[in-house]
Amino acid sequence: MGKIQLQTKATGLSGEIQIPGDKSISHRAVMFGSIAKGKTTVTNFLLGDDCLSTISCFRKLGVSIEQEVDKVTIYGNGLEGLIEPSEVLDVGNSGTTIRLLMGILSGRPFHNVLIGDHSIGKRPMTRVVKPLTLMGAKIDGKKAGEYTPISIRGGELTGIEYTLPVASAQVKSSILFAGMQATGTTVIHEPAKSRDHTERMIRQFGGKVENDGLTVSINGGQELTASHVNVPGDISSAAFFMVAGAIVQNSEILLKNVGLNPTRTGIVDVMKQMGADLTIQMNENEQFEPTGDLTIKTSDLVGTTIEGEMIPRLIDEIPILALLATQAKGTTVIKDAHELKVKETNRIDTVVAELTKLGASIEATEDGMIIYGGTPLGSGQVSSHGDHRIGMMLAVAALISNGEVTLEDAEAISVSYPQFFDDLNKLLK
């Protein structure tokens, strides 16, 4: 795809979209199906590059996985059924794949080497390496395991009590996967609540995990049983259309079957706080993950402050919320978002640089950004910098831009939303 001309000056968006499957849940469904016993089926699986990397890794670990469009069938033989791979495990661009896989492989008595793309090579792994090493795994890599390639020789693990330095669902999940295989109980304390898809899925596959406020604990020696996972639509993908519907004139969009896990709905809360005309119709009978239909209309927005415990509930949505804030009355301040610096790009600097090219009034701070609202956007040449969420945010920005907008590295969007431009074109009036 490379460089593309984006749609600008949209006169309205209308219609409905079935949001593609949740990326976090799609990853985990493959992982749990692979370490459970029996046949697991996954429907509405996200066909993004990241999730396909997870399937590829587990196939190399000896798991039989069939894929027919967005239906995946996994024939699991339990944790003991995983075998030493004959080649390195390539996670592509997926931080979720590598960090969670490290937890699973830490308890397996064989050797693995994990690699990824250029972006993964810059993302810190120490936050996972440290607790897994404390549990007994032998892990090495560049700069003592800080960066890929990562080498793991797994084996007997012992449960630990560990306090996470930052709220991170990836680190928590990695430790839970290791704790499931460890002797004794593993206890994790979080500084703030992070997404809980892993805990929900442990229960769905017949395991036991305890939640008590910001503390999660799991006993070792558990066996999991195959299940069926119907993946809800990804709210992080829906977010781009939620914001588009709010800022493009004459718009009304219905987003179907969106995952509404309370640990992920920070964007809903913030948009309502800013005055968005957003309504939700909850679906009934969802046993493990709540879902619903969202309707968003063109809105009069006001600036706000996004900080503290809200940040882990919308960390992936901050780039698109920054765009939303450019069209709100007043100033929006985002703080406590240090984690943005270690995503696919340094998202603080990248968001500020790219939106500034289009005329936004926005400045970076040490832990976030300040956005001065009510600013018209103009023409420019922008880049995703290989970051899917930056690419989609810029495509939405173009909808309200006066003049031509060209996007470089547009192919990055396929990481999480391969049909993004198809869905966008359906909505254009």
Protein backbone atom coordinates (compact mmCIF):
# COMPACT_ATOMS: atom_id res chain seq x y z
CA MET A 1 0.00 0.00 0.00
CA GLY A 2 2.85 2.40 0.88
CA LYS A 3 1.83 6.02 0.36
CA ILE A 4 -1.86 6.75 -0.25
CA GLN A 5 -4.10 9.78 -0.74
CA LEU A 6 -6.62 9.98 2.11
CA GLN A 7 -10.27 10.97 1.85
CA THR A 8 -10.65 14.58 2.99
CA LYS A 9 -13.49 17.03 3.71
CA ALA A 10 -16.14 14.38 4.34
CA THR A 11 -19.70 15.78 4.18
CA GLY A 12 -21.05 13.14 6.56
CA LEU A 13 -20.80 9.52 7.72
CA SER A 14 -23.79 7.22 8.01
CA GLY A 15 -24.56 3.53 8.23
CA GLU A 16 -23.56 0.57 10.37
CA ILE A 17 -20.37 -1.42 10.77
CA GLN A 18 -19.65 -4.84 12.25
CA ILE A 19 -16.41 -4.13 14.10
CA PRO A 20 -13.75 -6.83 13.58
CA GLY A 21 -12.85 -9.14 16.45
CA ASP A 22 -11.04 -7.89 19.52
CA LYS A 23 -7.26 -8.21 19.14
CA SER A 24 -6.53 -8.94 22.80
CA ILE A 25 -9.22 -11.62 23.01
CA SER A 26 -8.28 -13.20 19.65
CA HIS A 27 -4.67 -13.61 20.83
CA ARG A 28 -5.73 -15.15 24.12
CA ALA A 29 -8.29 -17.48 22.55
CA VAL A 30 -5.55 -19.09 20.44
CA MET A 31 -3.21 -19.30 23.44
CA PHE A 32 -5.77 -20.85 25.78
CA GLY A 33 -7.03 -23.22 23.10
CA SER A 34 -3.44 -24.34 22.49
CA ILE A 35 -2.71 -25.14 26.16
CA ALA A 36 -6.16 -26.60 26.96
CA LYS A 37 -7.15 -30.21 26.30
CA GLY A 38 -9.62 -30.79 23.48
CA LYS A 39 -11.04 -28.95 20.49
CA THR A 40 -11.50 -25.18 20.88
CA THR A 41 -13.40 -23.13 18.31
CA VAL A 42 -12.98 -19.38 17.93
CA THR A 43 -15.44 -17.31 15.88
CA ASN A 44 -15.09 -13.68 14.73
CA PHE A 45 -11.33 -14.12 15.08
CA LEU A 46 -9.38 -11.01 14.08
CA LEU A 47 -7.53 -11.63 10.82
CA GLY A 48 -4.92 -8.98 11.63
CA ASP A 49 -1.20 -9.62 11.19
CA ASP A 50 -0.57 -9.70 14.96
CA CYS A 51 -3.09 -12.45 15.68
CA LEU A 52 -1.87 -14.49 12.71
CA SER A 53 1.62 -14.30 14.27
CA THR A 54 0.20 -15.95 17.40
CA ILE A 55 -1.26 -18.81 15.31
CA SER A 56 2.08 -19.23 13.53
CA CYS A 57 4.01 -19.46 16.82
CA PHE A 58 1.73 -22.12 18.30
CA ARG A 59 1.85 -24.19 15.14
CA LYS A 60 5.66 -24.21 15.50
CA LEU A 61 5.11 -25.41 19.09
CA GLY A 62 3.31 -28.46 17.75
CA VAL A 63 -0.33 -27.38 18.01
CA SER A 64 -2.71 -28.30 15.18
CA ILE A 65 -4.67 -25.17 14.23
CA GLU A 66 -7.13 -24.87 11.33
CA GLN A 67 -8.27 -21.52 10.02
CA GLU A 68 -11.20 -20.83 7.74
CA VAL A 69 -11.56 -17.07 7.26
CA ASP A 70 -12.44 -15.78 10.76
CA LYS A 71 -13.19 -19.19 12.30
CA VAL A 72 -10.25 -20.91 14.00
CA THR A 73 -10.23 -24.48 15.33
CA ILE A 74 -7.50 -25.46 17.77
CA TYR A 75 -6.73 -29.06 18.77
CA GLY A 76 -5.05 -28.66 22.15
CA ASN A 77 -3.16 -31.35 24.08
CA GLY A 78 -2.58 -29.35 27.24
CA LEU A 79 0.61 -27.58 28.27
CA GLU A 80 2.43 -30.93 28.13
CA GLY A 81 1.52 -31.19 24.45
CA LEU A 82 3.74 -28.23 23.49
CA ILE A 83 7.02 -29.31 21.89
CA GLU A 84 10.39 -27.67 21.39
CA PRO A 85 10.20 -25.74 18.09
CA SER A 86 12.69 -26.54 15.36
CA GLU A 87 12.97 -22.87 14.40
CA VAL A 88 12.77 -19.47 16.06
CA LEU A 89 9.33 -18.11 17.01
CA ASP A 90 8.69 -14.89 15.07
CA VAL A 91 6.04 -12.69 16.71
CA GLY A 92 6.07 -10.07 13.94
CA ASN A 93 4.85 -6.74 15.33
CA SER A 94 2.98 -8.24 18.28
CA GLY A 95 3.93 -7.22 21.82
CA THR A 96 1.03 -9.27 23.19
CA THR A 97 2.28 -12.43 21.47
CA ILE A 98 5.84 -12.18 22.74
CA ARG A 99 5.10 -11.16 26.33
CA LEU A 100 2.32 -13.68 26.95
CA LEU A 101 4.20 -16.44 25.14
CA MET A 102 7.18 -15.83 27.42
CA GLY A 103 4.96 -16.66 30.41
CA ILE A 104 3.70 -19.87 28.81
CA LEU A 105 7.17 -21.01 27.68
CA SER A 106 8.79 -20.25 31.06
CA GLY A 107 7.15 -23.38 32.45
CA ARG A 108 7.98 -25.68 29.52
CA PRO A 109 11.14 -27.82 29.83
CA PHE A 110 12.72 -26.92 26.51
CA HIS A 111 14.52 -24.11 24.70
CA ASN A 112 12.96 -21.35 22.60
CA VAL A 113 14.17 -18.24 20.80
CA LEU A 114 11.70 -15.41 20.16
CA ILE A 115 12.21 -12.64 17.63
CA GLY A 116 10.05 -9.92 16.09
CA ASP A 117 10.16 -7.05 13.65
CA HIS A 118 12.14 -3.81 13.96
CA SER A 119 9.50 -2.27 16.25
CA ILE A 120 9.48 -5.26 18.62
CA GLY A 121 13.27 -5.05 18.75
CA LYS A 122 12.94 -1.65 20.47
CA ARG A 123 10.24 -2.59 22.99
CA PRO A 124 11.31 -3.34 26.60
CA MET A 125 11.02 -6.94 27.78
CA THR A 126 12.63 -6.55 31.23
CA ARG A 127 9.22 -5.93 32.79
CA VAL A 128 8.33 -9.54 31.88
CA VAL A 129 11.81 -11.06 32.20
CA LYS A 130 12.23 -9.93 35.82
CA PRO A 131 9.19 -11.67 37.38
CA LEU A 132 9.58 -14.78 35.20
CA THR A 133 13.24 -15.06 36.24
CA LEU A 134 12.21 -14.73 39.89
CA MET A 135 9.89 -17.70 39.31
CA GLY A 136 12.79 -19.80 38.01
CA ALA A 137 12.84 -19.36 34.22
CA LYS A 138 16.21 -18.96 32.48
CA ILE A 139 15.86 -16.02 30.09
CA ASP A 140 18.48 -14.09 28.15
CA GLY A 141 18.59 -11.67 25.25
CA LYS A 142 20.13 -8.41 24.11
CA LYS A 143 21.16 -6.24 27.09
CA ALA A 144 20.49 -9.08 29.57
CA GLY A 145 17.03 -9.78 28.21
CA GLU A 146 15.90 -6.21 27.73
CA TYR A 147 15.45 -6.65 23.97
CA THR A 148 14.90 -9.36 21.36
CA PRO A 149 16.07 -11.90 20.36
CA ILE A 150 14.92 -13.49 23.61
CA SER A 151 16.12 -16.95 24.64
CA ILE A 152 14.05 -18.97 27.13
CA ARG A 153 14.86 -22.30 28.75
CA GLY A 154 11.78 -23.09 30.76
CA GLY A 155 11.35 -25.60 33.57
CA GLU A 156 10.15 -25.88 37.12
CA LEU A 157 8.67 -22.64 38.41
CA THR A 158 7.82 -21.45 41.92
CA GLY A 159 4.97 -19.07 42.69
CA ILE A 160 5.88 -15.52 43.72
CA GLU A 161 4.22 -12.43 45.16
CA TYR A 162 4.92 -9.55 42.80
CA THR A 163 3.96 -5.88 42.57
CA LEU A 164 3.74 -4.53 39.03
CA PRO A 165 5.62 -1.22 38.62
CA VAL A 166 3.02 -0.13 36.01
CA ALA A 167 -0.51 -1.36 35.29
CA SER A 168 0.07 -3.72 32.36
CA ALA A 169 -2.29 -6.45 31.21
CA GLN A 170 0.53 -8.00 29.18
CA VAL A 171 2.86 -8.35 32.16
CA LYS A 172 0.05 -9.53 34.46
CA SER A 173 -1.06 -12.11 31.89
CA SER A 174 2.48 -13.38 31.35
CA ILE A 175 2.89 -13.96 35.09
CA LEU A 176 -0.54 -15.66 35.29
CA PHE A 177 0.42 -18.08 32.49
CA ALA A 178 3.62 -18.90 34.37
CA GLY A 179 1.79 -19.09 37.70
CA MET A 180 -0.60 -21.67 36.27
CA GLN A 181 2.43 -23.96 35.87
CA ALA A 182 4.26 -23.05 39.10
CA THR A 183 4.44 -24.75 42.47
CA GLY A 184 2.28 -22.92 45.02
CA THR A 185 0.36 -19.69 44.60
CA THR A 186 1.33 -16.67 42.51
CA VAL A 187 0.04 -13.29 43.73
CA ILE A 188 0.13 -10.12 41.61
CA HIS A 189 -0.54 -6.61 42.91
CA GLU A 190 -1.47 -3.92 40.35
CA PRO A 191 -1.08 -0.14 40.85
CA ALA A 192 -4.31 0.34 38.84
CA LYS A 193 -6.79 -2.00 37.20
CA SER A 194 -5.62 -3.25 33.79
CA ARG A 195 -7.71 -5.17 31.26
CA ASP A 196 -8.86 -8.53 32.65
CA HIS A 197 -9.43 -10.65 29.51
CA THR A 198 -6.91 -13.24 30.73
CA GLU A 199 -8.67 -13.77 34.07
CA ARG A 200 -12.05 -14.11 32.35
CA MET A 201 -10.65 -16.61 29.87
CA ILE A 202 -8.96 -18.72 32.57
CA ARG A 203 -12.42 -19.22 34.07
CA GLN A 204 -13.99 -19.84 30.66
CA PHE A 205 -11.51 -22.68 30.07
CA GLY A 206 -12.26 -24.23 33.47
CA GLY A 207 -9.41 -22.75 35.51
CA LYS A 208 -9.50 -20.82 38.77
CA VAL A 209 -8.16 -17.34 39.43
CA GLU A 210 -8.99 -14.98 42.29
CA ASN A 211 -9.51 -11.21 42.02
CA ASP A 212 -9.55 -9.05 45.16
CA GLY A 213 -9.46 -5.37 44.30
CA LEU A 214 -6.07 -4.74 42.69
CA THR A 215 -4.72 -8.18 43.65
CA VAL A 216 -4.90 -11.26 41.42
CA SER A 217 -3.83 -14.73 42.54
CA ILE A 218 -3.60 -18.11 40.85
CA ASN A 219 -2.67 -21.61 42.03
CA GLY A 220 -0.29 -23.78 40.05
CA GLY A 221 -0.96 -27.22 38.64
CA GLN A 222 -4.15 -26.30 36.81
CA GLU A 223 -5.42 -28.08 33.72
CA LEU A 224 -7.64 -26.32 31.22
CA THR A 225 -10.45 -27.74 29.10
CA ALA A 226 -11.33 -26.69 25.55
CA SER A 227 -14.10 -24.10 25.06
CA HIS A 228 -15.81 -21.99 22.41
CA VAL A 229 -14.89 -18.30 22.15
CA ASN A 230 -17.04 -15.86 20.17
CA VAL A 231 -14.78 -12.83 19.95
CA PRO A 232 -16.59 -9.49 20.44
CA GLY A 233 -15.79 -6.48 18.25
CA ASP A 234 -12.66 -4.61 19.34
CA ILE A 235 -13.47 -1.35 21.14
CA SER A 236 -9.97 -0.11 20.27
CA SER A 237 -10.91 -0.45 16.58
CA ALA A 238 -14.41 0.95 17.17
CA ALA A 239 -12.78 4.01 18.76
CA PHE A 240 -11.71 5.40 15.37
CA PHE A 241 -15.31 5.40 14.13
CA MET A 242 -16.62 6.66 17.48
CA VAL A 243 -14.41 9.72 17.09
CA ALA A 244 -15.10 10.06 13.34
CA GLY A 245 -18.84 10.06 14.01
CA ALA A 246 -18.43 12.74 16.68
CA ILE A 247 -16.25 15.16 14.69
CA VAL A 248 -17.46 14.80 11.07
CA GLN A 249 -20.49 16.96 10.25
CA ASN A 250 -23.88 15.32 9.53
CA SER A 251 -22.89 11.93 10.93
CA GLU A 252 -24.67 9.03 12.61
CA ILE A 253 -22.93 5.63 12.84
CA LEU A 254 -24.08 2.35 14.40
CA LEU A 255 -21.24 0.08 15.58
CA LYS A 256 -22.43 -3.49 16.14
CA ASN A 257 -21.34 -6.06 18.75
CA VAL A 258 -18.57 -4.04 20.40
CA GLY A 259 -16.78 -5.48 23.45
CA LEU A 260 -17.66 -3.42 26.52
CA ASN A 261 -15.42 -4.96 29.17
CA PRO A 262 -15.29 -2.33 31.98
CA THR A 263 -11.47 -2.41 31.94
CA ARG A 264 -11.58 -1.22 28.30
CA THR A 265 -14.39 1.37 28.24
CA GLY A 266 -12.39 4.41 29.31
CA ILE A 267 -12.95 5.89 25.85
CA VAL A 268 -16.73 5.72 26.34
CA ASP A 269 -16.46 7.49 29.69
CA VAL A 270 -14.15 10.21 28.37
CA MET A 271 -16.19 10.86 25.23
CA LYS A 272 -19.36 11.23 27.30
CA GLN A 273 -17.48 13.52 29.68
CA MET A 274 -16.55 15.66 26.65
CA GLY A 275 -20.20 15.84 25.54
CA ALA A 276 -20.30 13.18 22.80
CA ASP A 277 -23.76 12.14 21.58
CA LEU A 278 -23.08 8.45 22.26
CA THR A 279 -25.65 5.82 23.23
CA ILE A 280 -25.19 2.12 24.07
CA GLN A 281 -27.58 -0.81 23.74
CA MET A 282 -26.19 -3.71 25.78
CA ASN A 283 -26.52 -7.26 24.45
CA GLU A 284 -28.06 -9.84 26.77
CA ASN A 285 -26.73 -13.32 27.66
CA GLU A 286 -23.03 -12.62 27.17
CA GLN A 287 -21.47 -14.97 29.71
CA PHE A 288 -17.82 -13.92 29.78
CA GLU A 289 -17.37 -10.60 27.97
CA PRO A 290 -20.07 -7.87 27.90
CA THR A 291 -20.95 -6.51 24.44
CA GLY A 292 -23.31 -3.97 22.95
CA ASP A 293 -24.20 -1.75 19.99
CA LEU A 294 -22.94 1.85 19.99
CA THR A 295 -24.55 4.78 18.18
CA ILE A 296 -22.49 7.95 17.73
CA LYS A 297 -23.68 11.23 16.21
CA THR A 298 -22.00 14.53 15.37
CA SER A 299 -21.33 16.21 18.72
CA ASP A 300 -20.50 19.51 20.39
CA LEU A 301 -17.43 18.67 22.46
CA VAL A 302 -15.61 20.30 25.38
CA GLY A 303 -12.05 19.75 26.59
CA THR A 304 -11.24 17.62 29.61
CA THR A 305 -8.39 16.15 31.66
CA ILE A 306 -7.49 12.47 31.21
CA GLU A 307 -5.28 11.08 33.97
CA GLY A 308 -4.69 8.57 36.76
CA GLU A 309 -6.63 5.32 36.87
CA MET A 310 -8.42 6.20 33.63
CA ILE A 311 -5.19 5.81 31.60
CA PRO A 312 -4.90 1.97 31.65
CA ARG A 313 -8.56 1.76 30.52
CA LEU A 314 -7.85 3.71 27.31
CA ILE A 315 -4.09 3.59 26.71
CA ASP A 316 -4.51 2.38 23.11
CA GLU A 317 -7.17 5.02 22.39
CA ILE A 318 -5.09 8.05 23.36
CA PRO A 319 -3.93 8.84 19.79
CA ILE A 320 -7.52 9.05 18.52
CA LEU A 321 -8.65 10.92 21.66
CA ALA A 322 -5.93 13.50 20.94
CA LEU A 323 -7.55 14.07 17.54
CA LEU A 324 -10.98 14.34 19.17
CA ALA A 325 -9.59 16.98 21.54
CA THR A 326 -8.42 19.16 18.62
CA GLN A 327 -12.11 19.66 17.75
CA ALA A 328 -13.37 20.28 21.31
CA LYS A 329 -13.93 23.70 22.87
CA GLY A 330 -11.14 24.54 25.31
CA THR A 331 -8.04 22.64 26.35
CA THR A 332 -7.58 18.92 26.93
CA VAL A 333 -4.73 17.63 29.11
CA ILE A 334 -3.52 14.02 28.99
CA LYS A 335 -1.12 12.96 31.75
CA ASP A 336 0.20 9.85 33.56
CA ALA A 337 0.58 8.21 30.13
CA HIS A 338 4.29 7.25 30.28
CA GLU A 339 3.38 3.89 28.70
CA LEU A 340 2.78 5.63 25.36
CA LYS A 341 6.55 5.97 25.00
CA VAL A 342 7.07 2.19 24.70
CA LYS A 343 4.30 1.26 22.28
CA GLU A 344 4.85 0.53 18.56
CA THR A 345 6.26 4.06 18.43
CA ASN A 346 6.77 6.72 21.08
CA ARG A 347 3.12 7.65 20.69
CA ILE A 348 3.42 10.94 22.57
CA ASP A 349 6.01 12.35 20.18
CA THR A 350 4.46 10.74 17.10
CA VAL A 351 0.91 11.98 17.74
CA VAL A 352 2.15 15.50 18.42
CA ALA A 353 4.43 15.58 15.36
CA GLU A 354 1.87 14.21 12.90
CA LEU A 355 -1.14 16.25 14.06
CA THR A 356 1.04 19.38 14.09
CA LYS A 357 1.74 18.78 10.37
CA LEU A 358 -2.01 19.15 9.78
CA GLY A 359 -2.24 22.37 11.79
CA ALA A 360 -3.28 21.12 15.23
CA SER A 361 -2.24 23.11 18.27
CA ILE A 362 -0.75 20.38 20.45
CA GLU A 363 2.35 20.00 22.59
CA ALA A 364 4.11 17.05 24.22
CA THR A 365 4.75 16.81 27.94
CA GLU A 366 6.87 14.34 29.90
CA ASP A 367 3.92 12.01 30.48
CA GLY A 368 1.31 13.04 27.92
CA MET A 369 0.22 16.05 25.91
CA ILE A 370 -1.75 19.28 25.95
CA ILE A 371 -4.23 19.85 23.12
CA TYR A 372 -5.76 23.25 22.39
CA GLY A 373 -9.18 22.65 20.87
CA GLY A 374 -11.32 24.25 18.22
CA THR A 375 -8.54 24.07 15.63
CA PRO A 376 -9.27 23.52 11.92
CA LEU A 377 -7.00 20.99 10.22
CA GLY A 378 -5.40 21.46 6.82
CA SER A 379 -3.37 19.61 4.20
CA GLY A 380 -0.11 17.78 4.72
CA GLN A 381 2.00 14.67 4.22
CA VAL A 382 1.84 12.44 7.29
CA SER A 383 3.16 9.02 8.30
CA SER A 384 2.00 6.12 10.46
CA HIS A 385 5.65 5.44 11.38
CA GLY A 386 4.69 1.77 11.12
CA ASP A 387 2.13 2.16 13.94
CA HIS A 388 -1.38 0.94 13.05
CA ARG A 389 -3.16 3.20 15.55
CA ILE A 390 -1.34 6.30 14.33
CA GLY A 391 -2.25 5.40 10.73
CA MET A 392 -5.97 5.05 11.49
CA MET A 393 -6.00 8.22 13.60
CA LEU A 394 -4.53 10.17 10.67
CA ALA A 395 -7.09 8.71 8.25
CA VAL A 396 -9.86 10.02 10.54
CA ALA A 397 -8.09 13.39 10.85
CA ALA A 398 -8.11 13.68 7.05
CA LEU A 399 -11.92 13.46 7.05
CA ILE A 400 -12.10 16.93 8.62
CA SER A 401 -9.05 18.38 6.85
CA ASN A 402 -9.17 21.12 4.22
CA GLY A 403 -6.83 20.19 1.40
CA GLU A 404 -4.97 17.04 0.41
CA VAL A 405 -3.59 14.63 3.02
CA THR A 406 -1.13 11.88 2.04
CA LEU A 407 -0.36 8.98 4.39
CA GLU A 408 2.94 7.09 4.28
CA ASP A 409 3.25 3.52 5.64
CA ALA A 410 -0.50 2.97 5.33
CA GLU A 411 0.04 -0.82 5.30
CA ALA A 412 0.68 -0.74 9.08
CA ILE A 413 -3.10 -0.51 9.58
CA SER A 414 -3.47 -4.20 8.64
CA VAL A 415 -1.88 -5.16 11.97
CA SER A 416 -5.22 -4.73 13.75
CA TYR A 417 -7.85 -3.67 11.16
CA PRO A 418 -7.22 -5.03 7.63
CA GLN A 419 -10.60 -3.84 6.27
CA PHE A 420 -10.43 -0.37 7.87
CA PHE A 421 -10.57 1.58 4.59
CA ASP A 422 -13.36 -0.64 3.24
CA ASP A 423 -15.47 0.10 6.32
CA LEU A 424 -14.67 3.81 6.16
CA ASN A 425 -15.70 4.01 2.49
CA LYS A 426 -19.05 2.33 3.32
CA LEU A 427 -19.91 5.18 5.68
CA LEU A 428 -19.06 8.11 3.41
CA LYS A 429 -22.11 10.01 2.16
